[in-house]
PDB file of N, CA and C in Angstrom:
ATOM      1  N   UNK A   1      84.819  48.343  49.935  1.00  0.00           N
ATOM      2  CA  UNK A   1      86.292  47.686  50.010  1.00  0.00           C
ATOM      3  C   UNK A   1      84.912  46.777  49.711  1.00  0.00           C
ATOM      4  N   UNK A   2      86.294  45.516  48.390  1.00  0.00           N
ATOM      5  CA  UNK A   2      85.815  43.976  47.553  1.00  0.00           C
ATOM      6  C   UNK A   2      86.627  43.389  48.465  1.00  0.00           C
ATOM      7  N   UNK A   3      85.872  41.882  48.015  1.00  0.00           N
ATOM      8  CA  UNK A   3      86.267  40.657  48.305  1.00  0.00           C
ATOM      9  C   UNK A   3      87.763  40.618  48.045  1.00  0.00           C
ATOM     10  N   UNK A   4      87.969  41.213  47.459  1.00  0.00           N
ATOM     11  CA  UNK A   4      89.704  40.801  46.947  1.00  0.00           C
ATOM     12  C   UNK A   4      91.036  41.808  47.832  1.00  0.00           C
ATOM     13  N   UNK A   5      90.707  42.861  48.259  1.00  0.00           N
ATOM     14  CA  UNK A   5      91.236  43.399  49.637  1.00  0.00           C
ATOM     15  C   UNK A   5      91.178  43.096  50.648  1.00  0.00           C
ATOM     16  N   UNK A   6      89.402  42.794  51.163  1.00  0.00           N
ATOM     17  CA  UNK A   6      88.670  42.224  52.614  1.00  0.00           C
ATOM     18  C   UNK A   6      90.100  40.384  52.408  1.00  0.00           C
ATOM     19  N   UNK A   7      90.196  39.640  51.496  1.00  0.00           N
ATOM     20  CA  UNK A   7      90.530  39.522  51.951  1.00  0.00           C
ATOM     21  C   UNK A   7      92.045  38.823  51.807  1.00  0.00           C
ATOM     22  N   UNK A   8      92.958  39.961  51.143  1.00  0.00           N
ATOM     23  CA  UNK A   8      93.976  40.494  51.014  1.00  0.00           C
ATOM     24  C   UNK A   8      94.368  40.735  52.935  1.00  0.00           C
ATOM     25  N   UNK A   9      93.983  41.516  53.373  1.00  0.00           N
ATOM     26  CA  UNK A   9      94.271  42.530  54.888  1.00  0.00           C
ATOM     27  C   UNK A   9      93.897  40.858  55.558  1.00  0.00           C
ATOM     28  N   UNK A  10      92.618  40.305  55.469  1.00  0.00           N
ATOM     29  CA  UNK A  10      92.515  39.225  56.739  1.00  0.00           C
ATOM     30  C   UNK A  10      94.093  38.075  56.487  1.00  0.00           C
ATOM     31  N   UNK A  11      94.741  37.876  55.533  1.00  0.00           N
ATOM     32  CA  UNK A  11      95.844  37.172  55.038  1.00  0.00           C
ATOM     33  C   UNK A  11      97.099  37.721  55.517  1.00  0.00           C
ATOM     34  N   UNK A  12      97.072  38.516  55.078  1.00  0.00           N
ATOM     35  CA  UNK A  12      98.015  39.841  55.912  1.00  0.00           C
ATOM     36  C   UNK A  12      98.238  40.062  57.453  1.00  0.00           C
ATOM     37  N   UNK A  13      96.760  39.899  58.171  1.00  0.00           N
ATOM     38  CA  UNK A  13      97.075  39.940  58.954  1.00  0.00           C
ATOM     39  C   UNK A  13      96.768  38.633  59.963  1.00  0.00           C
ATOM     40  N   UNK A  14      96.284  37.325  59.166  1.00  0.00           N
ATOM     41  CA  UNK A  14      96.578  35.772  59.925  1.00  0.00           C
ATOM     42  C   UNK A  14      97.761  35.862  59.667  1.00  0.00           C
ATOM     43  N   UNK A  15      98.900  35.764  58.606  1.00  0.00           N
ATOM     44  CA  UNK A  15     100.514  35.709  58.448  1.00  0.00           C
ATOM     45  C   UNK A  15     101.321  36.512  59.387  1.00  0.00           C
ATOM     46  N   UNK A  16     100.721  37.927  59.620  1.00  0.00           N
ATOM     47  CA  UNK A  16     101.747  38.594  61.086  1.00  0.00           C
ATOM     48  C   UNK A  16     101.123  38.447  62.193  1.00  0.00           C
ATOM     49  N   UNK A  17     100.062  38.132  62.109  1.00  0.00           N
ATOM     50  CA  UNK A  17     100.102  37.515  63.992  1.00  0.00           C
ATOM     51  C   UNK A  17     100.728  35.956  63.675  1.00  0.00           C
ATOM     52  N   UNK A  18     100.467  34.790  62.904  1.00  0.00           N
ATOM     53  CA  UNK A  18     101.390  33.663  63.250  1.00  0.00           C
ATOM     54  C   UNK A  18     102.734  33.944  63.363  1.00  0.00           C
ATOM     55  N   UNK A  19     103.433  34.619  62.549  1.00  0.00           N
ATOM     56  CA  UNK A  19     104.418  35.031  62.562  1.00  0.00           C
ATOM     57  C   UNK A  19     104.953  35.617  63.673  1.00  0.00           C
ATOM     58  N   UNK A  20     104.172  36.250  64.463  1.00  0.00           N
ATOM     59  CA  UNK A  20     105.001  36.931  65.412  1.00  0.00           C
ATOM     60  C   UNK A  20     104.587  35.942  66.830  1.00  0.00           C
ATOM     61  N   UNK A  21     103.525  35.294  66.164  1.00  0.00           N
ATOM     62  CA  UNK A  21     103.253  33.884  67.064  1.00  0.00           C
ATOM     63  C   UNK A  21     104.495  32.938  67.793  1.00  0.00           C
ATOM     64  N   UNK A  22     104.934  32.151  66.169  1.00  0.00           N
ATOM     65  CA  UNK A  22     106.479  31.078  65.567  1.00  0.00           C
ATOM     66  C   UNK A  22     107.753  32.705  66.341  1.00  0.00           C
ATOM     67  N   UNK A  23     107.655  33.504  65.920  1.00  0.00           N
ATOM     68  CA  UNK A  23     109.113  34.223  66.081  1.00  0.00           C
ATOM     69  C   UNK A  23     108.818  33.790  67.505  1.00  0.00           C
ATOM     70  N   UNK A  24     107.731  34.157  68.644  1.00  0.00           N
ATOM     71  CA  UNK A  24     108.112  34.204  69.964  1.00  0.00           C
ATOM     72  C   UNK A  24     108.335  33.388  70.438  1.00  0.00           C
ATOM     73  N   UNK A  25     107.864  31.749  69.867  1.00  0.00           N
ATOM     74  CA  UNK A  25     107.967  30.436  70.684  1.00  0.00           C
ATOM     75  C   UNK A  25     109.360  30.125  70.412  1.00  0.00           C
ATOM     76  N   UNK A  26     109.642  30.945  69.166  1.00  0.00           N
ATOM     77  CA  UNK A  26     110.732  30.495  68.754  1.00  0.00           C
ATOM     78  C   UNK A  26     112.083  30.840  69.856  1.00  0.00           C
ATOM     79  N   UNK A  27     111.916  32.598  70.279  1.00  0.00           N
ATOM     80  CA  UNK A  27     112.945  32.679  71.231  1.00  0.00           C
ATOM     81  C   UNK A  27     112.027  32.270  72.274  1.00  0.00           C
ATOM     82  N   UNK A  28     111.478  32.263  72.891  1.00  0.00           N
ATOM     83  CA  UNK A  28     111.539  31.402  73.925  1.00  0.00           C
ATOM     84  C   UNK A  28     112.658  30.063  74.202  1.00  0.00           C
ATOM     85  N   UNK A  29     112.323  29.429  72.806  1.00  0.00           N
ATOM     86  CA  UNK A  29     113.010  27.716  73.293  1.00  0.00           C
ATOM     87  C   UNK A  29     114.632  28.272  72.876  1.00  0.00           C
ATOM     88  N   UNK A  30     115.173  29.567  72.669  1.00  0.00           N
ATOM     89  CA  UNK A  30     116.220  29.401  72.182  1.00  0.00           C
ATOM     90  C   UNK A  30     116.752  30.250  73.628  1.00  0.00           C
ATOM     91  N   UNK A  31     115.813  30.650  74.871  1.00  0.00           N
ATOM     92  CA  UNK A  31     116.102  31.602  75.754  1.00  0.00           C
ATOM     93  C   UNK A  31     116.199  30.650  76.660  1.00  0.00           C
ATOM     94  N   UNK A  32     114.743  29.226  76.819  1.00  0.00           N
ATOM     95  CA  UNK A  32     115.090  28.578  77.284  1.00  0.00           C
ATOM     96  C   UNK A  32     116.333  26.814  77.492  1.00  0.00           C
ATOM     97  N   UNK A  33     116.818  27.233  75.770  1.00  0.00           N
ATOM     98  CA  UNK A  33     118.379  26.440  75.432  1.00  0.00           C
ATOM     99  C   UNK A  33     119.467  27.157  76.387  1.00  0.00           C
ATOM    100  N   UNK A  34     119.221  28.332  76.566  1.00  0.00           N
ATOM    101  CA  UNK A  34     120.492  29.293  76.724  1.00  0.00           C
ATOM    102  C   UNK A  34     120.651  28.877  78.524  1.00  0.00           C
ATOM    103  N   UNK A  35     119.516  28.971  78.874  1.00  0.00           N
ATOM    104  CA  UNK A  35     119.199  28.377  80.481  1.00  0.00           C
ATOM    105  C   UNK A  35     119.897  27.404  80.856  1.00  0.00           C
ATOM    106  N   UNK A  36     119.147  26.347  80.391  1.00  0.00           N
ATOM    107  CA  UNK A  36     119.372  25.188  80.537  1.00  0.00           C
ATOM    108  C   UNK A  36     120.959  24.345  80.580  1.00  0.00           C
ATOM    109  N   UNK A  37     121.559  25.164  79.587  1.00  0.00           N
ATOM    110  CA  UNK A  37     123.218  25.377  79.365  1.00  0.00           C
ATOM    111  C   UNK A  37     124.040  25.857  80.481  1.00  0.00           C
ATOM    112  N   UNK A  38     123.032  27.342  80.880  1.00  0.00           N
ATOM    113  CA  UNK A  38     124.108  27.362  81.861  1.00  0.00           C
ATOM    114  C   UNK A  38     124.158  26.868  83.273  1.00  0.00           C
ATOM    115  N   UNK A  39     122.752  26.314  83.155  1.00  0.00           N
ATOM    116  CA  UNK A  39     121.879  25.701  84.714  1.00  0.00           C
ATOM    117  C   UNK A  39     123.029  24.512  84.360  1.00  0.00           C
ATOM    118  N   UNK A  40     123.414  23.986  84.223  1.00  0.00           N
ATOM    119  CA  UNK A  40     123.936  22.464  83.901  1.00  0.00           C
ATOM    120  C   UNK A  40     125.602  22.486  84.626  1.00  0.00           C
ATOM    121  N   UNK A  41     125.344  21.566  85.760  1.00  0.00           N
ATOM    122  CA  UNK A  41     126.505  21.164  86.187  1.00  0.00           C
ATOM    123  C   UNK A  41     127.741  20.956  85.586  1.00  0.00           C
ATOM    124  N   UNK A  42     128.861  22.183  86.688  1.00  0.00           N
ATOM    125  CA  UNK A  42     130.384  21.407  85.767  1.00  0.00           C
ATOM    126  C   UNK A  42     130.459  20.257  85.619  1.00  0.00           C
ATOM    127  N   UNK A  43     131.592  19.929  84.382  1.00  0.00           N
ATOM    128  CA  UNK A  43     131.780  18.108  83.932  1.00  0.00           C
ATOM    129  C   UNK A  43     133.131  18.457  84.620  1.00  0.00           C
ATOM    130  N   UNK A  44     133.548  16.981  84.632  1.00  0.00           N
ATOM    131  CA  UNK A  44     134.564  16.397  85.370  1.00  0.00           C
ATOM    132  C   UNK A  44     135.154  16.209  84.643  1.00  0.00           C
ATOM    133  N   UNK A  45     137.119  16.109  85.162  1.00  0.00           N
ATOM    134  CA  UNK A  45     138.215  16.447  84.072  1.00  0.00           C
ATOM    135  C   UNK A  45     137.770  14.748  83.831  1.00  0.00           C
ATOM    136  N   UNK A  46     138.096  14.269  82.475  1.00  0.00           N
ATOM    137  CA  UNK A  46     138.562  12.874  81.306  1.00  0.00           C
ATOM    138  C   UNK A  46     139.532  12.243  82.784  1.00  0.00           C
ATOM    139  N   UNK A  47     140.604  12.785  84.043  1.00  0.00           N
ATOM    140  CA  UNK A  47     140.718  11.182  85.145  1.00  0.00           C
ATOM    141  C   UNK A  47     140.168  11.313  85.535  1.00  0.00           C
ATOM    142  N   UNK A  48     138.476  11.474  86.164  1.00  0.00           N
ATOM    143  CA  UNK A  48     137.739  11.169  86.929  1.00  0.00           C
ATOM    144  C   UNK A  48     137.132  10.658  86.625  1.00  0.00           C
ATOM    145  N   UNK A  49     136.880  10.369  85.458  1.00  0.00           N
ATOM    146  CA  UNK A  49     135.942   9.449  84.764  1.00  0.00           C
ATOM    147  C   UNK A  49     136.610   8.162  84.136  1.00  0.00           C
ATOM    148  N   UNK A  50     137.768   8.391  84.741  1.00  0.00           N
ATOM    149  CA  UNK A  50     138.568   6.642  83.566  1.00  0.00           C
ATOM    150  C   UNK A  50     139.129   6.505  84.690  1.00  0.00           C
ATOM    151  N   UNK A  51     139.447   7.738  85.969  1.00  0.00           N
ATOM    152  CA  UNK A  51     139.634   6.506  87.091  1.00  0.00           C
ATOM    153  C   UNK A  51     138.588   4.795  87.576  1.00  0.00           C
ATOM    154  N   UNK A  52     139.719   3.505  87.245  1.00  0.00           N
ATOM    155  CA  UNK A  52     138.618   3.319  88.048  1.00  0.00           C
ATOM    156  C   UNK A  52     138.386   2.448  89.297  1.00  0.00           C
ATOM    157  N   UNK A  53     137.355   1.962  89.868  1.00  0.00           N
ATOM    158  CA  UNK A  53     136.986   1.793  91.398  1.00  0.00           C
ATOM    159  C   UNK A  53     137.847   0.697  91.916  1.00  0.00           C
ATOM    160  N   UNK A  54     137.859   0.513  93.374  1.00  0.00           N
ATOM    161  CA  UNK A  54     139.225  -0.074  93.728  1.00  0.00           C
ATOM    162  C   UNK A  54     138.284  -1.324  93.524  1.00  0.00           C
ATOM    163  N   UNK A  55     138.873  -2.280  93.662  1.00  0.00           N
ATOM    164  CA  UNK A  55     138.266  -3.979  93.415  1.00  0.00           C
ATOM    165  C   UNK A  55     137.116  -4.331  94.927  1.00  0.00           C
ATOM    166  N   UNK A  56     137.574  -3.743  95.673  1.00  0.00           N
ATOM    167  CA  UNK A  56     137.148  -4.111  96.867  1.00  0.00           C
ATOM    168  C   UNK A  56     135.592  -3.553  97.132  1.00  0.00           C
ATOM    169  N   UNK A  57     135.276  -2.505  96.102  1.00  0.00           N
ATOM    170  CA  UNK A  57     133.754  -1.595  96.223  1.00  0.00           C
ATOM    171  C   UNK A  57     132.776  -2.166  95.421  1.00  0.00           C
ATOM    172  N   UNK A  58     133.955  -3.293  94.735  1.00  0.00           N
ATOM    173  CA  UNK A  58     132.932  -4.306  93.933  1.00  0.00           C
ATOM    174  C   UNK A  58     132.173  -5.630  93.631  1.00  0.00           C
ATOM    175  N   UNK A  59     133.072  -5.723  95.168  1.00  0.00           N
ATOM    176  CA  UNK A  59     132.411  -6.909  95.246  1.00  0.00           C
ATOM    177  C   UNK A  59     130.845  -7.061  96.215  1.00  0.00           C
ATOM    178  N   UNK A  60     129.842  -7.676  96.053  1.00  0.00           N
ATOM    179  CA  UNK A  60     128.980  -7.703  96.785  1.00  0.00           C
ATOM    180  C   UNK A  60     129.308  -8.302  98.167  1.00  0.00           C
ATOM    181  N   UNK A  61     129.110  -7.777  99.096  1.00  0.00           N
ATOM    182  CA  UNK A  61     129.069  -8.451 100.653  1.00  0.00           C
ATOM    183  C   UNK A  61     128.071  -9.509 101.385  1.00  0.00           C
ATOM    184  N   UNK A  62     128.586  -9.814 101.765  1.00  0.00           N
ATOM    185  CA  UNK A  62     127.958 -12.018 101.954  1.00  0.00           C
ATOM    186  C   UNK A  62     127.876 -11.363 103.281  1.00  0.00           C
ATOM    187  N   UNK A  63     126.495 -11.818 103.642  1.00  0.00           N
ATOM    188  CA  UNK A  63     125.878 -11.947 105.014  1.00  0.00           C
ATOM    189  C   UNK A  63     125.489 -13.024 105.832  1.00  0.00           C
ATOM    190  N   UNK A  64     125.917 -13.557 107.169  1.00  0.00           N
ATOM    191  CA  UNK A  64     125.110 -14.719 107.698  1.00  0.00           C
ATOM    192  C   UNK A  64     124.120 -15.378 107.050  1.00  0.00           C
ATOM    193  N   UNK A  65     123.894 -16.201 107.266  1.00  0.00           N
ATOM    194  CA  UNK A  65     122.829 -16.723 106.686  1.00  0.00           C
ATOM    195  C   UNK A  65     121.464 -16.102 107.887  1.00  0.00           C
ATOM    196  N   UNK A  66     121.750 -16.231 109.080  1.00  0.00           N
ATOM    197  CA  UNK A  66     121.000 -15.787 110.532  1.00  0.00           C
ATOM    198  C   UNK A  66     120.961 -14.405 110.290  1.00  0.00           C
ATOM    199  N   UNK A  67     121.458 -13.703 110.146  1.00  0.00           N
ATOM    200  CA  UNK A  67     121.258 -11.816 109.952  1.00  0.00           C
ATOM    201  C   UNK A  67     120.411 -11.494 108.315  1.00  0.00           C
ATOM    202  N   UNK A  68     120.435 -13.003 107.026  1.00  0.00           N
ATOM    203  CA  UNK A  68     119.822 -12.250 106.046  1.00  0.00           C
ATOM    204  C   UNK A  68     118.114 -12.203 106.475  1.00  0.00           C
ATOM    205  N   UNK A  69     117.941 -13.973 107.203  1.00  0.00           N
ATOM    206  CA  UNK A  69     116.387 -14.315 107.497  1.00  0.00           C
ATOM    207  C   UNK A  69     116.171 -13.443 108.829  1.00  0.00           C
ATOM    208  N   UNK A  70     116.694 -12.425 109.775  1.00  0.00           N
ATOM    209  CA  UNK A  70     116.295 -11.298 110.438  1.00  0.00           C
ATOM    210  C   UNK A  70     115.974  -9.718 109.452  1.00  0.00           C
ATOM    211  N   UNK A  71     117.197 -10.173 108.781  1.00  0.00           N
ATOM    212  CA  UNK A  71     116.138  -9.061 107.890  1.00  0.00           C
ATOM    213  C   UNK A  71     115.239  -9.160 107.080  1.00  0.00           C
ATOM    214  N   UNK A  72     115.099  -9.976 106.795  1.00  0.00           N
ATOM    215  CA  UNK A  72     113.917 -10.333 105.646  1.00  0.00           C
ATOM    216  C   UNK A  72     112.578 -10.393 106.079  1.00  0.00           C
ATOM    217  N   UNK A  73     112.507 -10.813 107.742  1.00  0.00           N
ATOM    218  CA  UNK A  73     112.170 -10.869 108.885  1.00  0.00           C
ATOM    219  C   UNK A  73     111.311  -9.597 109.266  1.00  0.00           C
ATOM    220  N   UNK A  74     112.363  -8.673 108.889  1.00  0.00           N
ATOM    221  CA  UNK A  74     111.959  -7.367 109.930  1.00  0.00           C
ATOM    222  C   UNK A  74     111.348  -6.699 108.955  1.00  0.00           C
ATOM    223  N   UNK A  75     111.617  -6.597 107.474  1.00  0.00           N
ATOM    224  CA  UNK A  75     111.067  -5.762 106.465  1.00  0.00           C
ATOM    225  C   UNK A  75     109.827  -6.387 106.266  1.00  0.00           C
ATOM    226  N   UNK A  76     109.083  -7.964 105.908  1.00  0.00           N
ATOM    227  CA  UNK A  76     108.174  -8.249 106.139  1.00  0.00           C
ATOM    228  C   UNK A  76     107.037  -8.119 106.957  1.00  0.00           C
ATOM    229  N   UNK A  77     107.853  -7.544 108.421  1.00  0.00           N
ATOM    230  CA  UNK A  77     107.165  -7.094 109.333  1.00  0.00           C
ATOM    231  C   UNK A  77     106.866  -5.879 109.336  1.00  0.00           C
ATOM    232  N   UNK A  78     107.892  -5.103 108.538  1.00  0.00           N
ATOM    233  CA  UNK A  78     107.494  -3.576 108.448  1.00  0.00           C
ATOM    234  C   UNK A  78     107.163  -3.628 107.688  1.00  0.00           C
ATOM    235  N   UNK A  79     106.166  -3.821 106.257  1.00  0.00           N
ATOM    236  CA  UNK A  79     105.537  -3.701 105.527  1.00  0.00           C
ATOM    237  C   UNK A  79     104.084  -4.230 105.578  1.00  0.00           C
ATOM    238  N   UNK A  80     104.551  -5.402 106.440  1.00  0.00           N
ATOM    239  CA  UNK A  80     102.888  -5.694 107.244  1.00  0.00           C
ATOM    240  C   UNK A  80     102.018  -4.394 107.964  1.00  0.00           C
ATOM    241  N   UNK A  81     102.912  -3.778 109.219  1.00  0.00           N
ATOM    242  CA  UNK A  81     102.485  -3.061 109.821  1.00  0.00           C
ATOM    243  C   UNK A  81     102.009  -2.044 109.018  1.00  0.00           C
ATOM    244  N   UNK A  82     102.466  -1.508 108.304  1.00  0.00           N
ATOM    245  CA  UNK A  82     102.727   0.292 107.106  1.00  0.00           C
ATOM    246  C   UNK A  82     101.405  -0.377 106.271  1.00  0.00           C
ATOM    247  N   UNK A  83     100.624  -1.918 105.691  1.00  0.00           N
ATOM    248  CA  UNK A  83     100.085  -2.314 105.016  1.00  0.00           C
ATOM    249  C   UNK A  83      98.570  -1.220 106.050  1.00  0.00           C
ATOM    250  N   UNK A  84      98.950  -2.044 107.030  1.00  0.00           N
ATOM    251  CA  UNK A  84      97.319  -1.845 108.188  1.00  0.00           C
ATOM    252  C   UNK A  84      97.222  -0.516 108.791  1.00  0.00           C
ATOM    253  N   UNK A  85      98.473   0.545 108.350  1.00  0.00           N
ATOM    254  CA  UNK A  85      98.572   1.357 108.968  1.00  0.00           C
ATOM    255  C   UNK A  85      98.124   2.530 107.712  1.00  0.00           C
ATOM    256  N   UNK A  86      97.976   1.937 106.682  1.00  0.00           N
ATOM    257  CA  UNK A  86      97.469   3.455 104.886  1.00  0.00           C
ATOM    258  C   UNK A  86      96.292   2.971 105.072  1.00  0.00           C
ATOM    259  N   UNK A  87      95.737   2.314 105.523  1.00  0.00           N
ATOM    260  CA  UNK A  87      94.305   2.373 104.840  1.00  0.00           C
ATOM    261  C   UNK A  87      93.327   3.674 105.729  1.00  0.00           C
ATOM    262  N   UNK A  88      93.594   3.689 107.242  1.00  0.00           N
ATOM    263  CA  UNK A  88      92.905   5.039 107.577  1.00  0.00           C
ATOM    264  C   UNK A  88      93.834   6.443 107.520  1.00  0.00           C
ATOM    265  N   UNK A  89      94.659   6.094 107.320  1.00  0.00           N
ATOM    266  CA  UNK A  89      95.601   7.369 106.918  1.00  0.00           C
ATOM    267  C   UNK A  89      95.701   7.784 105.124  1.00  0.00           C
ATOM    268  N   UNK A  90      95.003   6.840 104.699  1.00  0.00           N
ATOM    269  CA  UNK A  90      94.983   7.110 102.807  1.00  0.00           C
ATOM    270  C   UNK A  90      93.044   7.673 102.626  1.00  0.00           C
ATOM    271  N   UNK A  91      92.674   7.596 103.700  1.00  0.00           N
ATOM    272  CA  UNK A  91      91.207   7.638 103.352  1.00  0.00           C
ATOM    273  C   UNK A  91      90.752   9.024 103.330  1.00  0.00           C
ATOM    274  N   UNK A  92      90.246   9.273 102.510  1.00  0.00           N
ATOM    275  CA  UNK A  92      89.525  10.984 101.799  1.00  0.00           C
ATOM    276  C   UNK A  92      88.174  11.608 102.877  1.00  0.00           C
ATOM    277  N   UNK A  93      88.037  10.598 103.694  1.00  0.00           N
ATOM    278  CA  UNK A  93      86.975  10.334 103.913  1.00  0.00           C
ATOM    279  C   UNK A  93      86.380   8.527 105.204  1.00  0.00           C
ATOM    280  N   UNK A  94      85.397   9.305 106.087  1.00  0.00           N
ATOM    281  CA  UNK A  94      85.396   7.589 107.012  1.00  0.00           C
ATOM    282  C   UNK A  94      84.456   6.917 106.171  1.00  0.00           C
ATOM    283  N   UNK A  95      84.370   5.731 106.084  1.00  0.00           N
ATOM    284  CA  UNK A  95      83.540   4.486 105.673  1.00  0.00           C
ATOM    285  C   UNK A  95      82.379   4.506 106.013  1.00  0.00           C
ATOM    286  N   UNK A  96      81.387   4.731 105.013  1.00  0.00           N
ATOM    287  CA  UNK A  96      79.931   5.339 105.332  1.00  0.00           C
ATOM    288  C   UNK A  96      79.750   5.966 105.615  1.00  0.00           C
ATOM    289  N   UNK A  97      80.458   7.443 105.637  1.00  0.00           N
ATOM    290  CA  UNK A  97      79.679   8.496 106.224  1.00  0.00           C
ATOM    291  C   UNK A  97      79.787   9.066 104.608  1.00  0.00           C
ATOM    292  N   UNK A  98      80.150   9.319 103.006  1.00  0.00           N
ATOM    293  CA  UNK A  98      79.126   9.304 102.120  1.00  0.00           C
ATOM    294  C   UNK A  98      79.474   7.828 101.048  1.00  0.00           C
ATOM    295  N   UNK A  99      78.284   8.189 100.508  1.00  0.00           N
ATOM    296  CA  UNK A  99      78.062   6.688  99.948  1.00  0.00           C
ATOM    297  C   UNK A  99      78.281   7.173  98.536  1.00  0.00           C
ATOM    298  N   UNK A 100      79.195   5.901  98.095  1.00  0.00           N
ATOM    299  CA  UNK A 100      79.608   6.075  96.873  1.00  0.00           C
ATOM    300  C   UNK A 100      80.010   7.266  95.953  1.00  0.00           C
ATOM    301  N   UNK A 101      79.392   8.335  96.488  1.00  0.00           N
ATOM    302  CA  UNK A 101      80.139  10.194  95.916  1.00  0.00           C
ATOM    303  C   UNK A 101      79.945  11.117  96.720  1.00  0.00           C
ATOM    304  N   UNK A 102      80.162  11.850  96.287  1.00  0.00           N
ATOM    305  CA  UNK A 102      80.214  13.685  97.105  1.00  0.00           C
ATOM    306  C   UNK A 102      78.065  13.094  97.335  1.00  0.00           C
ATOM    307  N   UNK A 103      78.157  14.524  98.026  1.00  0.00           N
ATOM    308  CA  UNK A 103      76.748  14.489  98.747  1.00  0.00           C
ATOM    309  C   UNK A 103      75.949  15.466  97.422  1.00  0.00           C
ATOM    310  N   UNK A 104      76.595  16.455  96.775  1.00  0.00           N
ATOM    311  CA  UNK A 104      76.222  16.924  95.268  1.00  0.00           C
ATOM    312  C   UNK A 104      75.831  15.621  94.656  1.00  0.00           C
ATOM    313  N   UNK A 105      76.684  14.391  94.603  1.00  0.00           N
ATOM    314  CA  UNK A 105      76.232  13.480  93.341  1.00  0.00           C
ATOM    315  C   UNK A 105      74.671  13.016  93.907  1.00  0.00           C
ATOM    316  N   UNK A 106      74.518  12.366  95.031  1.00  0.00           N
ATOM    317  CA  UNK A 106      73.949  11.518  96.124  1.00  0.00           C
ATOM    318  C   UNK A 106      72.534  12.529  95.665  1.00  0.00           C
ATOM    319  N   UNK A 107      72.899  13.847  96.189  1.00  0.00           N
ATOM    320  CA  UNK A 107      71.676  14.709  95.485  1.00  0.00           C
ATOM    321  C   UNK A 107      71.118  14.790  94.489  1.00  0.00           C
ATOM    322  N   UNK A 108      71.525  14.312  93.627  1.00  0.00           N
ATOM    323  CA  UNK A 108      71.054  14.526  92.129  1.00  0.00           C
ATOM    324  C   UNK A 108      70.911  13.476  91.712  1.00  0.00           C
ATOM    325  N   UNK A 109      71.526  12.325  92.123  1.00  0.00           N
ATOM    326  CA  UNK A 109      70.857  10.688  91.933  1.00  0.00           C
ATOM    327  C   UNK A 109      69.338  10.216  92.724  1.00  0.00           C
ATOM    328  N   UNK A 110      68.734  11.246  94.249  1.00  0.00           N
ATOM    329  CA  UNK A 110      67.632  11.079  95.106  1.00  0.00           C
ATOM    330  C   UNK A 110      66.939  11.700  93.997  1.00  0.00           C
ATOM    331  N   UNK A 111      67.148  12.870  93.759  1.00  0.00           N
ATOM    332  CA  UNK A 111      66.182  13.864  92.910  1.00  0.00           C
ATOM    333  C   UNK A 111      66.065  12.944  91.100  1.00  0.00           C
ATOM    334  N   UNK A 112      66.865  12.829  90.403  1.00  0.00           N
ATOM    335  CA  UNK A 112      67.016  11.728  89.588  1.00  0.00           C
ATOM    336  C   UNK A 112      65.477  10.377  89.676  1.00  0.00           C
ATOM    337  N   UNK A 113      66.103   9.974  91.145  1.00  0.00           N
ATOM    338  CA  UNK A 113      65.221   8.573  92.090  1.00  0.00           C
ATOM    339  C   UNK A 113      64.192   8.662  92.760  1.00  0.00           C
ATOM    340  N   UNK A 114      63.303  10.407  92.445  1.00  0.00           N
ATOM    341  CA  UNK A 114      62.319  10.075  93.295  1.00  0.00           C
ATOM    342  C   UNK A 114      61.941  11.136  92.738  1.00  0.00           C
ATOM    343  N   UNK A 115      60.158  10.440  92.188  1.00  0.00           N
ATOM    344  CA  UNK A 115      59.119  11.591  91.526  1.00  0.00           C
ATOM    345  C   UNK A 115      58.687  12.449  92.067  1.00  0.00           C
ATOM    346  N   UNK A 116      58.201  13.804  91.026  1.00  0.00           N
ATOM    347  CA  UNK A 116      58.260  14.621  91.078  1.00  0.00           C
ATOM    348  C   UNK A 116      57.063  15.068  92.079  1.00  0.00           C
ATOM    349  N   UNK A 117      56.834  15.518  92.864  1.00  0.00           N
ATOM    350  CA  UNK A 117      55.170  16.380  93.971  1.00  0.00           C
ATOM    351  C   UNK A 117      55.837  17.738  93.963  1.00  0.00           C
ATOM    352  N   UNK A 118      53.974  17.876  94.136  1.00  0.00           N
ATOM    353  CA  UNK A 118      54.570  19.490  94.023  1.00  0.00           C
ATOM    354  C   UNK A 118      54.087  19.679  95.386  1.00  0.00           C
ATOM    355  N   UNK A 119      55.288  20.876  95.840  1.00  0.00           N
ATOM    356  CA  UNK A 119      54.872  21.435  97.255  1.00  0.00           C
ATOM    357  C   UNK A 119      53.206  21.607  97.914  1.00  0.00           C
ATOM    358  N   UNK A 120      52.831  21.433  98.904  1.00  0.00           N
ATOM    359  CA  UNK A 120      52.050  22.001  99.699  1.00  0.00           C
ATOM    360  C   UNK A 120      52.193  23.282 100.304  1.00  0.00           C
ATOM    361  N   UNK A 121      50.997  24.100  99.912  1.00  0.00           N
ATOM    362  CA  UNK A 121      51.104  25.375  99.946  1.00  0.00           C
ATOM    363  C   UNK A 121      50.665  25.913 101.671  1.00  0.00           C
TER     364      UNK A 121
END
C-alpha cells in the first residue's frame, strides 16, 4: 500500500467514525426533545390564565406588633438553637481524632519528616 492509499483509508475511517458519532448524538438530541415535549404538563386554557385574583388575596396581612415581635424572637431563638446543634451533627469526625487530615496523609507526612534509619535485624 502506498502512502496515499493509507492516508485515504485513514481519512475514510475517520470521517465514517465521526459521522456515526455525530449522527447518534443528533438522534439522542431529537429523542430527548421528543421525550421532554411528551413529559410537559398540560397547559391551562386562556380563561384560567386571564382570570384576575380577588383583591382580598393580594393585600398583605397586617399583624399586631406584639405578635410580630413574638414571631421574630421565636425565629431568632430557633436559629440559635439550630446553630448550636449543627456543629456536632455536621462533623465528619470528632475534634482531635484526626489531626488536619486523614490517616493516610498523616502517615505520609510522618514519613516525609522523619529521617530514614535501617531496621535492626
